[in-house]
């Protein structure tokens, strides 16, 4: 009888384990089904986002084309006629009138530069990164020469660390240096003698590049 009871207990335990196993298998199948549904949903979302991104890029290209052709023409007219007024009617304008026209020209030229910056940004964000060996020191010197050529009367010392070489996209880095060094040049205009530096630093084992 004792052996029979033990046998029955073992049978009940076995049945319980089998039931638990069936329940575990059912839950596993349900979980797998949920994973498949979630994965399919993610793939659908990715496809939707990709289509949306393509549409945004297309609209951005159309916008860039519109900006390039429709907004530059009136700005050129404003700048050109302002210059003509200064040149042809200079003797009829007082100092305040000349100042007003100078401000009009400066504002139209600043707007033209902003348009160029927007177009450059749109092209950069659509372009593919192409890494290669880039001499950052040489790039900084190129930007320096262009800045000096655009405003030869400025007295500015440029200190550029030599031999700064990286693996990167040269087109993108040229844009970065144009902006950083250009800002340094612009915002030191009221200094009698400015100093602009480009150099590298080691920060926690990583190489950092600085404009000061």
N, C-alpha and C. Protein backbone atom coordinates (compact mmCIF):
# COMPACT_ATOMS: atom_id res chain seq x y z
N UNK A 1 0.84 -1.21 0.00
CA UNK A 1 0.00 0.00 0.00
C UNK A 1 0.88 1.27 0.00
N UNK A 2 1.96 1.17 0.82
CA UNK A 2 2.87 2.33 0.84
C UNK A 2 3.46 2.58 -0.55
N UNK A 3 3.87 1.50 -1.21
CA UNK A 3 4.44 1.64 -2.55
C UNK A 3 3.39 2.16 -3.53
N UNK A 4 2.12 1.67 -3.36
CA UNK A 4 1.06 2.15 -4.24
C UNK A 4 0.82 3.65 -4.04
N UNK A 5 0.84 4.07 -2.77
CA UNK A 5 0.65 5.50 -2.50
C UNK A 5 1.78 6.33 -3.11
N UNK A 6 3.01 5.82 -2.95
CA UNK A 6 4.15 6.53 -3.53
C UNK A 6 4.03 6.59 -5.04
N UNK A 7 3.56 5.50 -5.63
CA UNK A 7 3.41 5.45 -7.09
C UNK A 7 2.36 6.46 -7.54
N UNK A 8 1.22 6.50 -6.78
CA UNK A 8 0.17 7.46 -7.14
C UNK A 8 0.67 8.91 -6.98
N UNK A 9 1.43 9.12 -5.91
CA UNK A 9 2.00 10.47 -5.73
C UNK A 9 2.92 10.84 -6.89
N UNK A 10 3.70 9.88 -7.30
CA UNK A 10 4.60 10.13 -8.43
C UNK A 10 3.82 10.40 -9.70
N UNK A 11 2.70 9.66 -9.89
CA UNK A 11 1.88 9.87 -11.08
C UNK A 11 1.26 11.26 -11.07
N UNK A 12 0.74 11.67 -9.86
CA UNK A 12 0.15 13.00 -9.76
C UNK A 12 1.20 14.09 -10.02
N UNK A 13 2.40 13.87 -9.46
CA UNK A 13 3.47 14.84 -9.68
C UNK A 13 3.84 14.93 -11.16
N UNK A 14 3.89 13.77 -11.80
CA UNK A 14 4.21 13.74 -13.23
C UNK A 14 3.16 14.47 -14.04
N UNK A 15 1.85 14.22 -13.71
CA UNK A 15 0.76 14.91 -14.41
C UNK A 15 0.85 16.43 -14.20
N UNK A 16 1.17 16.81 -12.95
CA UNK A 16 1.29 18.24 -12.66
C UNK A 16 2.42 18.88 -13.47
N UNK A 17 3.57 18.17 -13.54
CA UNK A 17 4.70 18.68 -14.34
C UNK A 17 4.33 18.80 -15.80
N UNK A 18 3.57 17.79 -16.30
CA UNK A 18 3.16 17.84 -17.70
C UNK A 18 2.23 19.02 -17.96
N UNK A 19 1.31 19.26 -16.98
CA UNK A 19 0.42 20.40 -17.12
C UNK A 19 1.21 21.72 -17.09
N UNK A 20 2.18 21.78 -16.16
CA UNK A 20 3.03 22.98 -16.09
C UNK A 20 3.80 23.17 -17.39
N UNK A 21 4.28 22.06 -17.95
CA UNK A 21 5.03 22.13 -19.19
C UNK A 21 4.15 22.62 -20.33
N UNK A 22 2.90 22.12 -20.38
CA UNK A 22 1.97 22.59 -21.41
C UNK A 22 1.70 24.08 -21.27
N UNK A 23 1.51 24.52 -20.00
CA UNK A 23 1.25 25.93 -19.75
C UNK A 23 2.46 26.79 -20.15
N UNK A 24 3.65 26.29 -19.81
CA UNK A 24 4.86 27.03 -20.19
C UNK A 24 5.00 27.10 -21.70
N UNK A 25 4.69 25.98 -22.38
CA UNK A 25 4.79 25.96 -23.83
C UNK A 25 3.78 26.92 -24.46
N UNK A 26 2.55 26.95 -23.87
CA UNK A 26 1.54 27.86 -24.38
C UNK A 26 1.97 29.31 -24.21
N UNK A 27 2.52 29.62 -23.03
CA UNK A 27 2.99 30.99 -22.79
C UNK A 27 4.15 31.35 -23.72
N UNK A 28 5.03 30.39 -23.96
CA UNK A 28 6.16 30.64 -24.86
C UNK A 28 5.67 30.92 -26.27
N UNK A 29 4.64 30.16 -26.70
CA UNK A 29 4.09 30.37 -28.04
C UNK A 29 3.42 31.74 -28.13
N UNK A 30 2.70 32.11 -27.04
CA UNK A 30 2.07 33.43 -27.04
C UNK A 30 3.13 34.54 -27.08
N UNK A 31 4.20 34.36 -26.30
CA UNK A 31 5.28 35.35 -26.29
C UNK A 31 5.94 35.46 -27.67
N UNK A 32 6.15 34.31 -28.32
CA UNK A 32 6.76 34.31 -29.65
C UNK A 32 5.85 35.04 -30.65
N UNK A 33 4.53 34.80 -30.51
CA UNK A 33 3.59 35.47 -31.39
C UNK A 33 3.63 36.98 -31.19
N UNK A 34 3.72 37.40 -29.91
CA UNK A 34 3.81 38.82 -29.61
C UNK A 34 5.08 39.43 -30.19
N UNK A 35 6.19 38.69 -30.09
CA UNK A 35 7.46 39.18 -30.63
C UNK A 35 7.35 39.35 -32.14
N UNK A 36 6.73 38.34 -32.81
CA UNK A 36 6.57 38.44 -34.26
C UNK A 36 5.70 39.63 -34.63
N UNK A 37 4.62 39.84 -33.86
CA UNK A 37 3.75 40.99 -34.13
C UNK A 37 4.50 42.30 -33.92
N UNK A 38 5.27 42.38 -32.83
CA UNK A 38 6.04 43.59 -32.54
C UNK A 38 7.08 43.85 -33.62
N UNK A 39 7.75 42.76 -34.06
CA UNK A 39 8.76 42.92 -35.10
C UNK A 39 8.13 43.41 -36.40
N UNK A 40 6.98 42.82 -36.77
CA UNK A 40 6.29 43.26 -37.99
C UNK A 40 5.87 44.72 -37.88
N UNK A 41 5.42 45.10 -36.67
CA UNK A 41 5.02 46.49 -36.46
C UNK A 41 6.21 47.43 -36.58
N UNK A 42 7.35 47.02 -36.03
CA UNK A 42 8.56 47.84 -36.14
C UNK A 42 8.99 47.99 -37.59
N UNK A 43 8.96 46.90 -38.34
CA UNK A 43 9.34 46.97 -39.75
C UNK A 43 8.42 47.90 -40.52
N UNK A 44 7.13 47.86 -40.16
CA UNK A 44 6.18 48.76 -40.81
C UNK A 44 6.49 50.21 -40.46
N UNK A 45 6.81 50.45 -39.17
CA UNK A 45 7.16 51.81 -38.75
C UNK A 45 8.41 52.32 -39.45
N UNK A 46 9.42 51.44 -39.55
CA UNK A 46 10.66 51.82 -40.22
C UNK A 46 10.38 52.20 -41.67
N UNK A 47 9.55 51.41 -42.32
CA UNK A 47 9.22 51.70 -43.73
C UNK A 47 8.48 53.03 -43.85
N UNK A 48 7.55 53.27 -42.90
CA UNK A 48 6.83 54.54 -42.93
C UNK A 48 7.77 55.72 -42.70
N UNK A 49 8.68 55.57 -41.72
CA UNK A 49 9.63 56.65 -41.43
C UNK A 49 10.55 56.89 -42.62
N UNK A 50 10.96 55.82 -43.28
CA UNK A 50 11.83 55.96 -44.45
C UNK A 50 11.12 56.71 -45.57
N UNK A 51 9.85 56.36 -45.80
CA UNK A 51 9.07 57.07 -46.82
C UNK A 51 8.91 58.54 -46.46
N UNK A 52 8.66 58.79 -45.16
CA UNK A 52 8.51 60.18 -44.72
C UNK A 52 9.81 60.95 -44.91
N UNK A 53 10.95 60.30 -44.62
CA UNK A 53 12.25 60.96 -44.77
C UNK A 53 12.52 61.28 -46.24
N UNK A 54 12.16 60.34 -47.11
CA UNK A 54 12.32 60.61 -48.55
C UNK A 54 11.49 61.83 -48.96
N UNK A 55 10.26 61.90 -48.45
CA UNK A 55 9.40 63.03 -48.79
C UNK A 55 9.98 64.33 -48.27
N UNK A 56 10.51 64.31 -47.04
CA UNK A 56 11.11 65.52 -46.46
C UNK A 56 12.33 65.96 -47.27
N UNK A 57 13.16 65.00 -47.67
CA UNK A 57 14.34 65.34 -48.48
C UNK A 57 13.93 65.95 -49.81
N UNK A 58 12.86 65.40 -50.41
CA UNK A 58 12.37 65.94 -51.67
C UNK A 58 11.89 67.38 -51.49
N UNK A 59 11.13 67.61 -50.39
CA UNK A 59 10.66 68.96 -50.12
C UNK A 59 11.82 69.91 -49.84
N UNK A 60 12.85 69.40 -49.15
CA UNK A 60 14.01 70.24 -48.86
C UNK A 60 14.73 70.63 -50.14
N UNK A 61 14.85 69.70 -51.07
CA UNK A 61 15.48 70.03 -52.35
C UNK A 61 14.68 71.08 -53.09
N UNK A 62 13.35 70.93 -53.08
CA UNK A 62 12.50 71.91 -53.75
C UNK A 62 12.62 73.28 -53.08
N UNK A 63 12.67 73.28 -51.74
CA UNK A 63 12.82 74.53 -51.01
C UNK A 63 14.15 75.19 -51.32
N UNK A 64 15.21 74.40 -51.35
CA UNK A 64 16.54 74.93 -51.64
C UNK A 64 16.57 75.57 -53.02
N UNK A 65 15.94 74.89 -53.99
CA UNK A 65 15.90 75.43 -55.35
C UNK A 65 15.15 76.76 -55.36
N UNK A 66 14.03 76.80 -54.63
CA UNK A 66 13.23 78.03 -54.58
C UNK A 66 14.02 79.17 -53.94
N UNK A 67 14.67 78.86 -52.82
CA UNK A 67 15.46 79.87 -52.13
C UNK A 67 16.56 80.39 -53.03
N UNK A 68 17.24 79.47 -53.69
CA UNK A 68 18.38 79.84 -54.52
C UNK A 68 17.98 80.77 -55.65
N UNK A 69 16.85 80.49 -56.30
CA UNK A 69 16.50 81.24 -57.49
C UNK A 69 15.54 82.40 -57.23
N UNK A 70 14.66 82.27 -56.25
CA UNK A 70 13.61 83.27 -56.06
C UNK A 70 14.00 84.37 -55.09
N UNK A 71 14.88 84.08 -54.14
CA UNK A 71 15.21 85.07 -53.13
C UNK A 71 16.50 85.83 -53.43
N UNK A 72 17.39 85.21 -54.17
CA UNK A 72 18.66 85.90 -54.42
C UNK A 72 18.49 87.09 -55.35
N UNK A 73 17.60 86.97 -56.33
CA UNK A 73 17.43 88.03 -57.33
C UNK A 73 17.02 89.36 -56.70
N UNK A 74 15.98 89.41 -55.87
CA UNK A 74 15.65 90.71 -55.25
C UNK A 74 16.74 91.23 -54.33
N UNK A 75 17.47 90.35 -53.67
CA UNK A 75 18.56 90.81 -52.82
C UNK A 75 19.66 91.47 -53.65
N UNK A 76 19.95 90.86 -54.81
CA UNK A 76 20.96 91.47 -55.70
C UNK A 76 20.49 92.84 -56.18
N UNK A 77 19.19 92.97 -56.44
CA UNK A 77 18.66 94.26 -56.88
C UNK A 77 18.79 95.31 -55.78
N UNK A 78 18.43 94.92 -54.55
CA UNK A 78 18.54 95.86 -53.43
C UNK A 78 19.97 96.33 -53.25
N UNK A 79 20.90 95.37 -53.28
CA UNK A 79 22.30 95.71 -53.09
C UNK A 79 22.81 96.55 -54.25
N UNK A 80 22.43 96.17 -55.47
CA UNK A 80 22.92 96.88 -56.65
C UNK A 80 22.42 98.31 -56.74
N UNK A 81 21.12 98.52 -56.52
CA UNK A 81 20.56 99.87 -56.60
C UNK A 81 21.05 100.74 -55.45
N UNK A 82 21.27 100.12 -54.27
CA UNK A 82 21.84 100.89 -53.16
C UNK A 82 23.23 101.39 -53.50
N UNK A 83 24.03 100.51 -54.11
CA UNK A 83 25.36 100.91 -54.53
C UNK A 83 25.30 102.00 -55.60
N UNK A 84 24.34 101.86 -56.53
CA UNK A 84 24.20 102.87 -57.59
C UNK A 84 23.84 104.23 -56.99
N UNK A 85 22.97 104.24 -55.99
CA UNK A 85 22.61 105.50 -55.34
C UNK A 85 23.83 106.14 -54.70
N UNK A 86 24.64 105.32 -54.03
CA UNK A 86 25.83 105.85 -53.38
C UNK A 86 26.79 106.44 -54.41
N UNK A 87 26.97 105.75 -55.53
CA UNK A 87 27.95 106.17 -56.53
C UNK A 87 27.45 107.35 -57.37
N UNK A 88 26.17 107.33 -57.77
CA UNK A 88 25.67 108.33 -58.72
C UNK A 88 25.11 109.59 -58.04
N UNK A 89 24.69 109.45 -56.78
CA UNK A 89 24.07 110.59 -56.11
C UNK A 89 24.79 110.93 -54.81
N UNK A 90 26.06 110.60 -54.76
CA UNK A 90 26.82 110.81 -53.53
C UNK A 90 26.82 112.28 -53.12
N UNK A 91 26.93 113.19 -54.10
CA UNK A 91 27.01 114.60 -53.76
C UNK A 91 25.66 115.16 -53.30
N UNK A 92 24.57 114.42 -53.51
CA UNK A 92 23.25 114.87 -53.08
C UNK A 92 22.81 114.26 -51.75
N UNK A 93 23.63 113.35 -51.23
CA UNK A 93 23.28 112.68 -49.99
C UNK A 93 24.09 113.24 -48.83
N UNK A 94 23.41 113.47 -47.72
CA UNK A 94 24.15 113.86 -46.53
C UNK A 94 24.70 112.61 -45.86
N UNK A 95 25.42 112.81 -44.78
CA UNK A 95 26.06 111.67 -44.11
C UNK A 95 25.03 110.67 -43.58
N UNK A 96 23.91 111.16 -43.11
CA UNK A 96 22.87 110.26 -42.60
C UNK A 96 22.30 109.40 -43.73
N UNK A 97 22.09 110.01 -44.91
CA UNK A 97 21.58 109.26 -46.06
C UNK A 97 22.56 108.19 -46.50
N UNK A 98 23.83 108.54 -46.52
CA UNK A 98 24.85 107.55 -46.87
C UNK A 98 24.88 106.41 -45.85
N UNK A 99 24.72 106.77 -44.58
CA UNK A 99 24.72 105.75 -43.53
C UNK A 99 23.54 104.80 -43.72
N UNK A 100 22.35 105.37 -44.04
CA UNK A 100 21.18 104.53 -44.25
C UNK A 100 21.40 103.55 -45.40
N UNK A 101 21.95 104.05 -46.50
CA UNK A 101 22.19 103.19 -47.66
C UNK A 101 23.23 102.12 -47.34
N UNK A 102 24.24 102.51 -46.55
CA UNK A 102 25.24 101.52 -46.14
C UNK A 102 24.62 100.40 -45.32
N UNK A 103 23.66 100.78 -44.47
CA UNK A 103 22.99 99.76 -43.66
C UNK A 103 22.11 98.85 -44.52
N UNK A 104 21.46 99.45 -45.51
CA UNK A 104 20.64 98.64 -46.43
C UNK A 104 21.51 97.62 -47.16
N UNK A 105 22.65 98.08 -47.66
CA UNK A 105 23.55 97.17 -48.36
C UNK A 105 24.07 96.07 -47.44
N UNK A 106 24.46 96.46 -46.23
CA UNK A 106 24.99 95.46 -45.29
C UNK A 106 23.93 94.42 -44.94
N UNK A 107 22.68 94.87 -44.75
CA UNK A 107 21.61 93.93 -44.41
C UNK A 107 21.32 92.98 -45.57
N UNK A 108 21.30 93.50 -46.80
CA UNK A 108 21.02 92.64 -47.95
C UNK A 108 22.15 91.64 -48.17
N UNK A 109 23.39 92.06 -47.96
CA UNK A 109 24.51 91.14 -48.09
C UNK A 109 24.50 90.08 -47.00
N UNK A 110 24.10 90.50 -45.78
CA UNK A 110 24.00 89.54 -44.68
C UNK A 110 22.91 88.50 -44.98
N UNK A 111 21.80 88.95 -45.54
CA UNK A 111 20.72 88.03 -45.90
C UNK A 111 21.19 87.07 -46.99
N UNK A 112 21.96 87.55 -47.94
CA UNK A 112 22.48 86.68 -49.00
C UNK A 112 23.40 85.61 -48.41
N UNK A 113 24.21 85.99 -47.42
CA UNK A 113 25.09 85.01 -46.78
C UNK A 113 24.27 83.97 -46.01
N UNK A 114 23.19 84.41 -45.36
CA UNK A 114 22.33 83.46 -44.65
C UNK A 114 21.70 82.46 -45.62
N UNK A 115 21.30 82.94 -46.78
CA UNK A 115 20.73 82.04 -47.79
C UNK A 115 21.78 81.04 -48.24
N UNK A 116 22.99 81.52 -48.47
CA UNK A 116 24.08 80.60 -48.86
C UNK A 116 24.32 79.56 -47.77
N UNK A 117 24.28 80.00 -46.50
CA UNK A 117 24.49 79.06 -45.39
C UNK A 117 23.40 78.01 -45.35
N UNK A 118 22.13 78.42 -45.58
CA UNK A 118 21.04 77.45 -45.59
C UNK A 118 21.20 76.43 -46.71
N UNK A 119 21.60 76.92 -47.88
CA UNK A 119 21.80 76.00 -49.01
C UNK A 119 22.95 75.05 -48.73
N UNK A 120 24.03 75.57 -48.17
CA UNK A 120 25.16 74.70 -47.83
C UNK A 120 24.76 73.65 -46.81
N UNK A 121 23.97 74.06 -45.81
CA UNK A 121 23.53 73.12 -44.79
C UNK A 121 22.66 72.02 -45.40
N UNK A 122 21.76 72.40 -46.29
CA UNK A 122 20.88 71.39 -46.90
C UNK A 122 21.68 70.40 -47.73
N UNK A 123 22.73 70.91 -48.41
CA UNK A 123 23.56 69.99 -49.20
C UNK A 123 24.38 69.08 -48.29
N UNK A 124 24.88 69.64 -47.19
CA UNK A 124 25.69 68.84 -46.28
C UNK A 124 24.88 67.73 -45.63
N UNK A 125 23.64 68.03 -45.21
CA UNK A 125 22.84 67.03 -44.52
C UNK A 125 22.39 65.93 -45.45
N UNK A 126 22.38 66.18 -46.76
CA UNK A 126 21.99 65.13 -47.70
C UNK A 126 23.19 64.35 -48.21
N UNK A 127 24.38 64.88 -48.00
CA UNK A 127 25.57 64.24 -48.53
C UNK A 127 26.03 63.07 -47.69
N UNK A 128 26.82 62.23 -48.30
CA UNK A 128 27.36 61.06 -47.60
C UNK A 128 28.75 61.40 -47.04
N UNK A 129 28.99 60.97 -45.81
CA UNK A 129 30.29 61.22 -45.20
C UNK A 129 31.37 60.41 -45.91
N UNK A 130 32.46 61.07 -46.26
CA UNK A 130 33.57 60.40 -46.92
C UNK A 130 34.83 60.70 -46.14
N UNK A 131 35.29 59.73 -45.37
CA UNK A 131 36.46 59.94 -44.52
C UNK A 131 37.75 59.76 -45.31
N UNK A 132 38.69 60.66 -45.03
CA UNK A 132 40.02 60.55 -45.60
C UNK A 132 40.98 61.33 -44.71
N UNK A 133 42.25 61.27 -45.02
CA UNK A 133 43.26 61.97 -44.23
C UNK A 133 43.15 63.47 -44.51
N UNK A 134 42.95 64.25 -43.44
CA UNK A 134 42.74 65.69 -43.59
C UNK A 134 43.74 66.44 -42.72
N UNK A 135 44.44 67.39 -43.34
CA UNK A 135 45.37 68.27 -42.62
C UNK A 135 44.57 69.47 -42.11
N UNK A 136 44.17 69.43 -40.84
CA UNK A 136 43.37 70.52 -40.28
C UNK A 136 44.16 71.83 -40.20
N UNK A 137 45.45 71.71 -39.97
CA UNK A 137 46.28 72.92 -39.91
C UNK A 137 46.25 73.66 -41.25
N UNK A 138 46.38 72.89 -42.34
CA UNK A 138 46.35 73.50 -43.67
C UNK A 138 44.98 74.11 -43.96
N UNK A 139 43.90 73.42 -43.54
CA UNK A 139 42.56 73.96 -43.74
C UNK A 139 42.39 75.28 -42.99
N UNK A 140 42.88 75.33 -41.76
CA UNK A 140 42.78 76.56 -40.97
C UNK A 140 43.53 77.71 -41.65
N UNK A 141 44.70 77.40 -42.23
CA UNK A 141 45.47 78.44 -42.92
C UNK A 141 44.73 78.93 -44.18
N UNK A 142 44.04 78.01 -44.87
CA UNK A 142 43.26 78.42 -46.05
C UNK A 142 42.16 79.40 -45.65
N UNK A 143 41.45 79.05 -44.56
CA UNK A 143 40.38 79.95 -44.09
C UNK A 143 40.97 81.29 -43.67
N UNK A 144 42.11 81.26 -43.00
CA UNK A 144 42.77 82.51 -42.58
C UNK A 144 43.05 83.40 -43.79
N UNK A 145 43.62 82.82 -44.85
CA UNK A 145 43.96 83.60 -46.04
C UNK A 145 42.72 84.24 -46.66
N UNK A 146 41.62 83.49 -46.69
CA UNK A 146 40.39 84.04 -47.26
C UNK A 146 39.84 85.17 -46.40
N UNK A 147 39.92 85.01 -45.09
CA UNK A 147 39.45 86.07 -44.20
C UNK A 147 40.29 87.34 -44.36
N UNK A 148 41.59 87.18 -44.45
CA UNK A 148 42.48 88.34 -44.62
C UNK A 148 42.22 89.02 -45.96
N UNK A 149 41.99 88.21 -47.00
CA UNK A 149 41.74 88.79 -48.33
C UNK A 149 40.44 89.59 -48.34
N UNK A 150 39.44 89.13 -47.58
CA UNK A 150 38.17 89.83 -47.54
C UNK A 150 38.20 91.10 -46.74
N UNK A 151 39.15 91.24 -45.82
CA UNK A 151 39.26 92.44 -44.97
C UNK A 151 40.73 92.70 -44.68
N UNK A 152 41.47 93.18 -45.70
CA UNK A 152 42.94 93.31 -45.55
C UNK A 152 43.38 94.36 -44.55
N UNK A 153 42.47 95.24 -44.13
CA UNK A 153 42.87 96.30 -43.20
C UNK A 153 42.86 95.85 -41.75
N UNK A 154 42.31 94.67 -41.47
CA UNK A 154 42.28 94.18 -40.10
C UNK A 154 43.67 93.79 -39.62
N UNK A 155 43.92 94.04 -38.35
CA UNK A 155 45.18 93.64 -37.73
C UNK A 155 44.89 92.47 -36.79
N UNK A 156 45.12 91.26 -37.27
CA UNK A 156 44.79 90.04 -36.51
C UNK A 156 45.97 89.08 -36.57
N UNK A 157 46.36 88.58 -35.41
CA UNK A 157 47.39 87.53 -35.35
C UNK A 157 46.70 86.16 -35.38
N UNK A 158 47.13 85.31 -36.30
CA UNK A 158 46.63 83.93 -36.37
C UNK A 158 47.73 83.01 -35.86
N UNK A 159 47.38 82.17 -34.90
CA UNK A 159 48.31 81.17 -34.37
C UNK A 159 47.70 79.81 -34.66
N UNK A 160 48.31 79.07 -35.58
CA UNK A 160 47.78 77.78 -36.00
C UNK A 160 48.78 76.69 -35.65
N UNK A 161 48.36 75.73 -34.84
CA UNK A 161 49.23 74.59 -34.52
C UNK A 161 49.49 73.78 -35.77
N UNK A 162 50.73 73.42 -36.00
CA UNK A 162 51.10 72.68 -37.20
C UNK A 162 50.96 71.17 -36.98
N UNK A 163 50.73 70.46 -38.07
CA UNK A 163 50.72 69.00 -38.03
C UNK A 163 49.49 68.37 -37.41
N UNK A 164 48.37 69.10 -37.38
CA UNK A 164 47.13 68.52 -36.85
C UNK A 164 46.44 67.78 -37.99
N UNK A 165 46.48 66.45 -37.94
CA UNK A 165 45.95 65.61 -39.02
C UNK A 165 44.93 64.64 -38.44
N UNK A 166 43.80 64.46 -39.14
CA UNK A 166 42.74 63.56 -38.67
C UNK A 166 42.20 62.75 -39.85
N UNK A 167 41.42 61.72 -39.53
CA UNK A 167 40.64 60.98 -40.53
C UNK A 167 39.21 61.48 -40.45
N UNK A 168 38.75 62.17 -41.48
CA UNK A 168 37.42 62.78 -41.42
C UNK A 168 36.98 63.20 -42.81
N UNK A 169 35.78 63.77 -42.88
CA UNK A 169 35.24 64.28 -44.14
C UNK A 169 35.77 65.71 -44.34
N UNK A 170 36.60 65.95 -45.34
CA UNK A 170 37.21 67.28 -45.50
C UNK A 170 36.19 68.37 -45.80
N UNK A 171 35.14 68.04 -46.52
CA UNK A 171 34.13 69.03 -46.87
C UNK A 171 33.40 69.52 -45.61
N UNK A 172 33.04 68.57 -44.73
CA UNK A 172 32.35 68.95 -43.50
C UNK A 172 33.26 69.75 -42.58
N UNK A 173 34.54 69.32 -42.46
CA UNK A 173 35.47 70.03 -41.58
C UNK A 173 35.75 71.44 -42.10
N UNK A 174 35.79 71.59 -43.42
CA UNK A 174 36.00 72.93 -43.97
C UNK A 174 34.84 73.85 -43.57
N UNK A 175 33.63 73.31 -43.59
CA UNK A 175 32.46 74.09 -43.17
C UNK A 175 32.57 74.47 -41.70
N UNK A 176 33.01 73.52 -40.87
CA UNK A 176 33.17 73.80 -39.43
C UNK A 176 34.18 74.92 -39.21
N UNK A 177 35.33 74.82 -39.86
CA UNK A 177 36.37 75.83 -39.66
C UNK A 177 35.95 77.18 -40.24
N UNK A 178 35.24 77.16 -41.38
CA UNK A 178 34.72 78.42 -41.93
C UNK A 178 33.87 79.14 -40.90
N UNK A 179 33.00 78.38 -40.23
CA UNK A 179 32.09 78.99 -39.26
C UNK A 179 32.83 79.44 -37.99
N UNK A 180 33.66 78.56 -37.43
CA UNK A 180 34.31 78.89 -36.16
C UNK A 180 35.33 80.03 -36.32
N UNK A 181 36.19 79.90 -37.32
CA UNK A 181 37.19 80.96 -37.53
C UNK A 181 36.53 82.23 -38.04
N UNK A 182 35.48 82.07 -38.86
CA UNK A 182 34.75 83.25 -39.34
C UNK A 182 34.10 84.00 -38.20
N UNK A 183 33.53 83.26 -37.24
CA UNK A 183 32.93 83.91 -36.07
C UNK A 183 34.00 84.61 -35.23
N UNK A 184 35.14 83.95 -35.06
CA UNK A 184 36.23 84.56 -34.30
C UNK A 184 36.68 85.86 -34.96
N UNK A 185 36.77 85.84 -36.28
CA UNK A 185 37.17 87.03 -37.03
C UNK A 185 36.12 88.14 -36.87
N UNK A 186 34.85 87.75 -36.98
CA UNK A 186 33.77 88.74 -36.93
C UNK A 186 33.64 89.38 -35.56
N UNK A 187 33.72 88.56 -34.51
CA UNK A 187 33.44 89.07 -33.17
C UNK A 187 34.66 89.71 -32.49
N UNK A 188 35.78 89.77 -33.19
CA UNK A 188 36.93 90.51 -32.67
C UNK A 188 37.15 91.80 -33.45
N UNK A 189 36.15 92.20 -34.23
CA UNK A 189 36.32 93.35 -35.12
C UNK A 189 36.59 94.64 -34.35
N UNK A 190 36.10 94.73 -33.12
CA UNK A 190 36.30 95.96 -32.34
C UNK A 190 37.59 95.97 -31.54
N UNK A 191 38.34 94.89 -31.61
CA UNK A 191 39.63 94.85 -30.92
C UNK A 191 40.70 95.50 -31.78
N UNK A 192 41.51 96.32 -31.15
CA UNK A 192 42.56 97.00 -31.91
C UNK A 192 43.53 96.01 -32.52
N UNK A 193 43.87 94.97 -31.77
CA UNK A 193 44.73 93.91 -32.31
C UNK A 193 44.25 92.58 -31.70
N UNK A 194 43.66 91.76 -32.55
CA UNK A 194 43.07 90.50 -32.08
C UNK A 194 44.04 89.35 -32.32
N UNK A 195 43.83 88.27 -31.58
CA UNK A 195 44.60 87.05 -31.77
C UNK A 195 43.63 85.87 -31.83
N UNK A 196 43.70 85.11 -32.91
CA UNK A 196 42.84 83.94 -33.10
C UNK A 196 43.74 82.71 -33.17
N UNK A 197 43.40 81.69 -32.37
CA UNK A 197 44.23 80.49 -32.29
C UNK A 197 43.45 79.24 -32.71
N UNK A 198 44.16 78.33 -33.38
CA UNK A 198 43.64 76.99 -33.65
C UNK A 198 44.65 75.99 -33.11
N UNK A 199 44.17 75.05 -32.27
CA UNK A 199 45.11 74.11 -31.65
C UNK A 199 44.36 72.86 -31.22
N UNK A 200 45.12 71.83 -30.80
CA UNK A 200 44.52 70.58 -30.34
C UNK A 200 44.85 70.36 -28.87
N UNK A 201 43.99 69.60 -28.20
CA UNK A 201 44.17 69.27 -26.79
C UNK A 201 43.89 67.79 -26.58
N UNK A 202 44.52 67.22 -25.54
CA UNK A 202 44.20 65.86 -25.13
C UNK A 202 43.28 65.94 -23.91
N UNK A 203 42.05 65.45 -24.07
CA UNK A 203 41.07 65.47 -23.00
C UNK A 203 40.63 64.04 -22.70
N UNK A 204 41.10 63.51 -21.57
CA UNK A 204 40.77 62.13 -21.16
C UNK A 204 41.10 61.12 -22.25
N UNK A 205 42.24 61.31 -22.87
CA UNK A 205 42.68 60.37 -23.89
C UNK A 205 42.10 60.60 -25.27
N UNK A 206 41.21 61.58 -25.41
CA UNK A 206 40.61 61.90 -26.70
C UNK A 206 41.21 63.21 -27.20
N UNK A 207 41.44 63.27 -28.52
CA UNK A 207 41.99 64.48 -29.12
C UNK A 207 40.85 65.46 -29.43
N UNK A 208 40.98 66.67 -28.91
CA UNK A 208 39.99 67.71 -29.15
C UNK A 208 40.64 68.84 -29.94
N UNK A 209 39.85 69.54 -30.74
CA UNK A 209 40.35 70.61 -31.59
C UNK A 209 39.62 71.90 -31.22
N UNK A 210 40.39 72.98 -31.07
CA UNK A 210 39.83 74.19 -30.46
C UNK A 210 40.13 75.42 -31.30
N UNK A 211 39.19 76.36 -31.26
CA UNK A 211 39.39 77.71 -31.79
C UNK A 211 39.20 78.67 -30.62
N UNK A 212 40.18 79.54 -30.44
CA UNK A 212 40.12 80.50 -29.33
C UNK A 212 40.45 81.87 -29.87
